[in-house]
């Protein structure tokens, strides 16, 4: 079995490797590919690199061959075929901004209501469950209140509730 694919980085390529490795916009997949190049430059075999990185040998070979053919331009993900995403990054940012604003006002949003808001304001039609999954994937959390927050808006009710709490304290 031939495992002769090796990368020999020049001094300029090593500088570019370091620049890309530490660049703030470098994705995890690009870093994984950069690590493959570094291991190959250190004269490790494809099977050894595949075991260390946790990828299949063919994937490592594909990365090395693409780098040998295209250089660093071959490292980012290529465009995928199929229908483009309905929910774009800009849409998610708009939803997050809306939820941040709602958190300051005490307004409650549910995923079905967020889906309706997206449809009305941005003409984006998505399933509420899908929208919730995308927000959780981005580690964005919001809570739906289980009880009414009416007492926070009504000063008279707030005073009555405060008086009730004072009676309960020991």
Protein backbone atom coordinates (compact mmCIF):
# COMPACT_ATOMS: atom_id res chain seq x y z
CA UNK A 1 0.00 0.00 0.00
CA UNK A 2 1.49 3.31 -1.07
CA UNK A 3 1.69 5.93 1.63
CA UNK A 4 4.09 8.23 -0.19
CA UNK A 5 2.06 11.42 0.05
CA UNK A 6 4.19 13.95 1.92
CA UNK A 7 4.14 17.69 2.31
CA UNK A 8 7.41 19.60 2.55
CA UNK A 9 6.66 23.14 3.65
CA UNK A 10 9.00 25.90 2.58
CA UNK A 11 9.96 28.71 4.97
CA UNK A 12 7.32 30.99 3.38
CA UNK A 13 4.70 28.26 3.67
CA UNK A 14 5.54 27.76 7.35
CA UNK A 15 5.01 31.48 7.96
CA UNK A 16 1.69 31.24 6.12
CA UNK A 17 0.81 28.09 8.11
CA UNK A 18 1.36 29.94 11.42
CA UNK A 19 -0.60 32.95 10.20
CA UNK A 20 -3.56 30.76 9.23
CA UNK A 21 -3.36 28.68 12.42
CA UNK A 22 -3.60 31.73 14.67
CA UNK A 23 -6.00 33.75 12.52
CA UNK A 24 -9.26 34.47 14.40
CA UNK A 25 -11.48 33.37 11.49
CA UNK A 26 -9.93 29.94 11.02
CA UNK A 27 -12.56 27.23 11.29
CA UNK A 28 -12.08 23.98 13.19
CA UNK A 29 -12.00 22.01 9.95
CA UNK A 30 -9.29 24.26 8.52
CA UNK A 31 -7.25 23.83 11.72
CA UNK A 32 -7.68 20.07 11.39
CA UNK A 33 -6.34 20.27 7.85
CA UNK A 34 -3.47 22.51 8.94
CA UNK A 35 -2.59 19.92 11.59
CA UNK A 36 -2.50 17.25 8.88
CA UNK A 37 -0.07 19.39 6.90
CA UNK A 38 2.13 19.97 9.94
CA UNK A 39 2.27 16.25 10.73
CA UNK A 40 3.05 15.46 7.12
CA UNK A 41 5.79 18.09 7.11
CA UNK A 42 7.26 16.38 10.18
CA UNK A 43 7.58 13.26 7.97
CA UNK A 44 4.79 11.21 9.56
CA UNK A 45 2.99 8.66 7.41
CA UNK A 46 -0.62 9.00 6.28
CA UNK A 47 -1.84 6.09 8.47
CA UNK A 48 -0.12 7.57 11.52
CA UNK A 49 -1.59 11.03 10.87
CA UNK A 50 -5.05 9.54 10.34
CA UNK A 51 -4.84 7.76 13.68
CA UNK A 52 -3.64 10.88 15.51
CA UNK A 53 -6.21 13.23 13.99
CA UNK A 54 -9.04 10.69 14.16
CA UNK A 55 -9.86 10.70 10.46
CA UNK A 56 -9.89 8.06 7.77
CA UNK A 57 -6.66 7.58 5.81
CA UNK A 58 -8.37 8.56 2.56
CA UNK A 59 -9.45 11.85 4.11
CA UNK A 60 -5.86 12.59 5.10
CA UNK A 61 -4.64 11.66 1.61
CA UNK A 62 -7.29 13.91 0.06
CA UNK A 63 -6.15 16.86 2.19
CA UNK A 64 -2.48 16.28 1.37
CA UNK A 65 -3.15 15.82 -2.35
CA UNK A 66 -5.34 18.93 -2.46
CA UNK A 67 -2.62 20.96 -0.70
CA UNK A 68 0.03 19.69 -3.11
CA UNK A 69 -2.17 20.67 -6.06
CA UNK A 70 -3.67 23.96 -4.81
CA UNK A 71 -1.63 25.09 -1.82
CA UNK A 72 -3.36 26.84 1.07
CA UNK A 73 -6.26 27.81 -1.19
CA UNK A 74 -7.38 24.17 -1.10
CA UNK A 75 -7.86 24.06 2.68
CA UNK A 76 -11.28 25.76 3.15
CA UNK A 77 -14.47 23.80 2.61
CA UNK A 78 -15.72 23.82 -0.93
CA UNK A 79 -19.25 24.95 -1.75
CA UNK A 80 -21.79 22.21 -1.27
CA UNK A 81 -24.35 21.21 -3.80
CA UNK A 82 -28.05 21.43 -3.17
CA UNK A 83 -30.49 24.06 -2.13
CA UNK A 84 -28.98 26.96 -0.18
CA UNK A 85 -29.92 27.36 3.44
CA UNK A 86 -33.21 29.04 4.13
CA UNK A 87 -32.12 30.44 7.46
CA UNK A 88 -29.02 32.57 6.92
CA UNK A 89 -26.49 33.90 9.40
CA UNK A 90 -28.05 37.37 9.10
CA UNK A 91 -31.46 35.94 10.02
CA UNK A 92 -30.07 34.25 13.11
CA UNK A 93 -28.29 37.45 14.16
CA UNK A 94 -31.57 39.36 13.75
CA UNK A 95 -33.42 36.80 15.92
CA UNK A 96 -30.70 36.97 18.57
CA UNK A 97 -30.87 40.78 18.60
CA UNK A 98 -34.66 40.58 18.97
CA UNK A 99 -34.35 38.15 21.89
CA UNK A 100 -31.67 40.30 23.56
CA UNK A 101 -33.94 43.31 23.29
CA UNK A 102 -36.90 41.32 24.59
CA UNK A 103 -34.87 40.21 27.60
CA UNK A 104 -34.52 43.81 28.71
CA UNK A 105 -38.23 44.54 28.32
CA UNK A 106 -39.47 41.26 29.80
CA UNK A 107 -41.27 40.25 26.62
CA UNK A 108 -41.70 36.50 26.09
CA UNK A 109 -40.92 34.82 22.77
CA UNK A 110 -41.54 31.22 21.78
CA UNK A 111 -40.07 29.50 18.76
CA UNK A 112 -43.43 29.47 16.91
CA UNK A 113 -43.75 33.18 17.55
CA UNK A 114 -40.14 33.73 16.40
CA UNK A 115 -40.93 31.78 13.23
CA UNK A 116 -43.91 34.02 12.58
CA UNK A 117 -41.76 37.11 13.20
CA UNK A 118 -39.17 35.84 10.71
CA UNK A 119 -41.86 35.21 8.11
CA UNK A 120 -43.43 38.63 8.55
CA UNK A 121 -40.29 40.76 8.81
CA UNK A 122 -37.69 38.89 6.79
CA UNK A 123 -39.82 36.65 4.53
CA UNK A 124 -38.02 33.56 5.85
CA UNK A 125 -40.23 30.53 6.47
CA UNK A 126 -38.78 27.93 8.84
CA UNK A 127 -40.14 25.29 11.14
CA UNK A 128 -40.18 26.36 14.80
CA UNK A 129 -38.32 23.22 15.91
CA UNK A 130 -35.61 23.82 13.31
CA UNK A 131 -35.25 27.43 14.45
CA UNK A 132 -34.94 26.34 18.08
CA UNK A 133 -32.32 23.74 17.14
CA UNK A 134 -30.29 26.37 15.23
CA UNK A 135 -30.40 28.73 18.21
CA UNK A 136 -29.35 25.97 20.62
CA UNK A 137 -26.54 24.97 18.24
CA UNK A 138 -25.26 28.54 18.49
CA UNK A 139 -25.49 28.15 22.28
CA UNK A 140 -28.08 30.90 22.42
CA UNK A 141 -30.44 30.38 25.31
CA UNK A 142 -33.65 32.08 26.20
CA UNK A 143 -36.24 31.20 28.76
CA UNK A 144 -39.93 31.28 28.45
CA UNK A 145 -41.52 32.46 31.64
CA UNK A 146 -43.81 29.91 33.25
CA UNK A 147 -45.79 32.41 35.27
CA UNK A 148 -47.05 35.86 34.55
CA UNK A 149 -44.75 38.84 34.93
CA UNK A 150 -47.75 41.13 35.22
CA UNK A 151 -46.73 42.11 38.78
CA UNK A 152 -43.57 43.75 37.42
CA UNK A 153 -45.62 46.09 35.25
CA UNK A 154 -48.31 46.97 37.82
CA UNK A 155 -46.94 49.02 40.78
CA UNK A 156 -50.03 48.42 42.97
CA UNK A 157 -49.83 44.67 42.49
CA UNK A 158 -46.11 44.79 43.15
CA UNK A 159 -46.65 46.55 46.50
CA UNK A 160 -49.31 43.99 47.52
CA UNK A 161 -47.01 41.08 46.66
CA UNK A 162 -44.13 42.67 48.55
CA UNK A 163 -46.41 43.05 51.62
CA UNK A 164 -47.41 39.37 51.31
CA UNK A 165 -43.76 38.35 51.26
CA UNK A 166 -43.00 40.42 54.37
CA UNK A 167 -45.72 38.56 56.25
CA UNK A 168 -44.16 35.24 55.28
CA UNK A 169 -40.63 36.10 56.49
CA UNK A 170 -39.75 34.97 60.01
